[in-house]
């Protein structure tokens, strides 16, 4: 039995209102230079498909909405600090649940 993969437009619609950690990291990185591929790489997406994933993420509704916000250097610093705190909390949760290898 074969499972059919969702098409591109279906994936965009299905994830329109879900903010994942990957998307949040991409948004912060994309605001730096508006380069989707580099933002994908910096946000932790493997080089093998960073270009394709970056192009997909930059069309995401939340990424598009975030581009309307004018961020200065202080806002970017706040975002980066908040993201670092989220990463620390995720690692703490992984340790508690015994999921360090994931």
C-alpha atoms as a PDB file:
ATOM      1  CA  UNK A   1       0.000   0.000   0.000  1.00  0.00           C
ATOM      2  CA  UNK A   2       1.341   3.374  -0.964  1.00  0.00           C
ATOM      3  CA  UNK A   3       0.628   6.621   0.843  1.00  0.00           C
ATOM      4  CA  UNK A   4       0.063   9.600  -1.426  1.00  0.00           C
ATOM      5  CA  UNK A   5       2.072  12.684  -0.527  1.00  0.00           C
ATOM      6  CA  UNK A   6       0.164  15.934  -0.166  1.00  0.00           C
ATOM      7  CA  UNK A   7       0.666  18.397  -2.982  1.00  0.00           C
ATOM      8  CA  UNK A   8       2.411  21.727  -2.521  1.00  0.00           C
ATOM      9  CA  UNK A   9      -0.757  23.843  -2.317  1.00  0.00           C
ATOM     10  CA  UNK A  10      -2.395  21.412   0.105  1.00  0.00           C
ATOM     11  CA  UNK A  11       0.603  21.608   2.427  1.00  0.00           C
ATOM     12  CA  UNK A  12       0.489  25.411   2.397  1.00  0.00           C
ATOM     13  CA  UNK A  13      -3.214  25.417   3.269  1.00  0.00           C
ATOM     14  CA  UNK A  14      -2.836  22.773   5.968  1.00  0.00           C
ATOM     15  CA  UNK A  15      -0.029  24.634   7.735  1.00  0.00           C
ATOM     16  CA  UNK A  16      -1.290  28.185   7.248  1.00  0.00           C
ATOM     17  CA  UNK A  17      -2.076  28.741  10.936  1.00  0.00           C
ATOM     18  CA  UNK A  18       0.547  26.526  12.575  1.00  0.00           C
ATOM     19  CA  UNK A  19       3.749  28.154  13.806  1.00  0.00           C
ATOM     20  CA  UNK A  20       6.433  25.512  14.203  1.00  0.00           C
ATOM     21  CA  UNK A  21       9.865  26.003  15.683  1.00  0.00           C
ATOM     22  CA  UNK A  22      11.377  25.434  12.237  1.00  0.00           C
ATOM     23  CA  UNK A  23       9.174  28.164  10.743  1.00  0.00           C
ATOM     24  CA  UNK A  24       9.966  30.566  13.575  1.00  0.00           C
ATOM     25  CA  UNK A  25      13.709  30.043  13.136  1.00  0.00           C
ATOM     26  CA  UNK A  26      13.338  30.549   9.383  1.00  0.00           C
ATOM     27  CA  UNK A  27      11.380  33.798   9.893  1.00  0.00           C
ATOM     28  CA  UNK A  28      14.072  35.253  12.165  1.00  0.00           C
ATOM     29  CA  UNK A  29      16.837  34.272   9.731  1.00  0.00           C
ATOM     30  CA  UNK A  30      14.866  35.389   6.648  1.00  0.00           C
ATOM     31  CA  UNK A  31      14.463  38.885   8.122  1.00  0.00           C
ATOM     32  CA  UNK A  32      18.252  39.304   8.146  1.00  0.00           C
ATOM     33  CA  UNK A  33      18.870  39.263   4.393  1.00  0.00           C
ATOM     34  CA  UNK A  34      15.685  37.963   2.688  1.00  0.00           C
ATOM     35  CA  UNK A  35      17.617  35.050   1.164  1.00  0.00           C
ATOM     36  CA  UNK A  36      15.435  31.942   1.505  1.00  0.00           C
ATOM     37  CA  UNK A  37      18.203  29.391   0.946  1.00  0.00           C
ATOM     38  CA  UNK A  38      20.638  30.972   3.403  1.00  0.00           C
ATOM     39  CA  UNK A  39      17.871  31.489   5.968  1.00  0.00           C
ATOM     40  CA  UNK A  40      16.953  27.817   5.662  1.00  0.00           C
ATOM     41  CA  UNK A  41      20.573  26.778   6.169  1.00  0.00           C
ATOM     42  CA  UNK A  42      21.031  29.062   9.177  1.00  0.00           C
ATOM     43  CA  UNK A  43      17.786  27.816  10.718  1.00  0.00           C
ATOM     44  CA  UNK A  44      19.063  24.246  10.703  1.00  0.00           C
ATOM     45  CA  UNK A  45      17.611  22.777   7.526  1.00  0.00           C
ATOM     46  CA  UNK A  46      20.083  20.348   5.896  1.00  0.00           C
ATOM     47  CA  UNK A  47      21.946  21.627   2.843  1.00  0.00           C
ATOM     48  CA  UNK A  48      20.512  18.854   0.637  1.00  0.00           C
ATOM     49  CA  UNK A  49      17.087  20.471   0.517  1.00  0.00           C
ATOM     50  CA  UNK A  50      17.579  23.922   2.062  1.00  0.00           C
ATOM     51  CA  UNK A  51      16.863  25.680  -1.220  1.00  0.00           C
ATOM     52  CA  UNK A  52      13.589  23.867  -1.844  1.00  0.00           C
ATOM     53  CA  UNK A  53      12.449  24.146   1.793  1.00  0.00           C
ATOM     54  CA  UNK A  54      13.417  27.815   1.902  1.00  0.00           C
ATOM     55  CA  UNK A  55      11.344  28.552  -1.187  1.00  0.00           C
ATOM     56  CA  UNK A  56       8.399  26.709   0.345  1.00  0.00           C
ATOM     57  CA  UNK A  57       8.727  28.463   3.714  1.00  0.00           C
ATOM     58  CA  UNK A  58       8.989  31.957   2.260  1.00  0.00           C
ATOM     59  CA  UNK A  59       5.503  31.456   0.738  1.00  0.00           C
ATOM     60  CA  UNK A  60       4.097  30.445   4.137  1.00  0.00           C
ATOM     61  CA  UNK A  61       1.337  32.803   5.323  1.00  0.00           C
ATOM     62  CA  UNK A  62       3.096  33.552   8.612  1.00  0.00           C
ATOM     63  CA  UNK A  63       6.379  34.362   6.893  1.00  0.00           C
ATOM     64  CA  UNK A  64       4.581  36.694   4.495  1.00  0.00           C
ATOM     65  CA  UNK A  65       2.741  38.385   7.384  1.00  0.00           C
ATOM     66  CA  UNK A  66       5.990  38.839   9.316  1.00  0.00           C
ATOM     67  CA  UNK A  67       7.533  40.694   6.376  1.00  0.00           C
ATOM     68  CA  UNK A  68       4.960  43.458   6.845  1.00  0.00           C
ATOM     69  CA  UNK A  69       6.422  44.242  10.271  1.00  0.00           C
ATOM     70  CA  UNK A  70       9.252  46.761  10.295  1.00  0.00           C
ATOM     71  CA  UNK A  71      11.920  45.375  12.645  1.00  0.00           C
ATOM     72  CA  UNK A  72      14.856  47.391  13.902  1.00  0.00           C
ATOM     73  CA  UNK A  73      18.074  46.003  15.374  1.00  0.00           C
ATOM     74  CA  UNK A  74      16.630  45.964  18.917  1.00  0.00           C
ATOM     75  CA  UNK A  75      13.631  43.926  17.757  1.00  0.00           C
ATOM     76  CA  UNK A  76      15.927  41.468  15.993  1.00  0.00           C
ATOM     77  CA  UNK A  77      18.023  41.107  19.143  1.00  0.00           C
ATOM     78  CA  UNK A  78      14.870  40.428  21.195  1.00  0.00           C
ATOM     79  CA  UNK A  79      13.769  37.817  18.651  1.00  0.00           C
ATOM     80  CA  UNK A  80      17.143  36.087  18.699  1.00  0.00           C
ATOM     81  CA  UNK A  81      17.193  36.013  22.515  1.00  0.00           C
ATOM     82  CA  UNK A  82      13.634  34.644  22.660  1.00  0.00           C
ATOM     83  CA  UNK A  83      14.515  31.967  20.110  1.00  0.00           C
ATOM     84  CA  UNK A  84      17.604  30.973  22.109  1.00  0.00           C
ATOM     85  CA  UNK A  85      15.400  30.627  25.204  1.00  0.00           C
ATOM     86  CA  UNK A  86      12.940  28.432  23.273  1.00  0.00           C
ATOM     87  CA  UNK A  87      15.858  26.236  22.170  1.00  0.00           C
ATOM     88  CA  UNK A  88      17.022  25.910  25.778  1.00  0.00           C
ATOM     89  CA  UNK A  89      13.521  24.953  26.904  1.00  0.00           C
ATOM     90  CA  UNK A  90      13.193  22.409  24.087  1.00  0.00           C
ATOM     91  CA  UNK A  91      16.463  20.785  25.150  1.00  0.00           C
ATOM     92  CA  UNK A  92      15.273  20.675  28.777  1.00  0.00           C
ATOM     93  CA  UNK A  93      12.040  18.981  27.672  1.00  0.00           C
ATOM     94  CA  UNK A  94      13.970  16.463  25.548  1.00  0.00           C
ATOM     95  CA  UNK A  95      16.162  15.623  28.526  1.00  0.00           C
ATOM     96  CA  UNK A  96      13.178  15.134  30.830  1.00  0.00           C
ATOM     97  CA  UNK A  97      11.473  12.887  28.279  1.00  0.00           C
ATOM     98  CA  UNK A  98      14.652  10.987  27.378  1.00  0.00           C
ATOM     99  CA  UNK A  99      14.620  12.219  23.776  1.00  0.00           C
ATOM    100  CA  UNK A 100      18.181  13.581  23.497  1.00  0.00           C
ATOM    101  CA  UNK A 101      18.925  11.551  20.355  1.00  0.00           C
ATOM    102  CA  UNK A 102      16.039  13.146  18.426  1.00  0.00           C
END
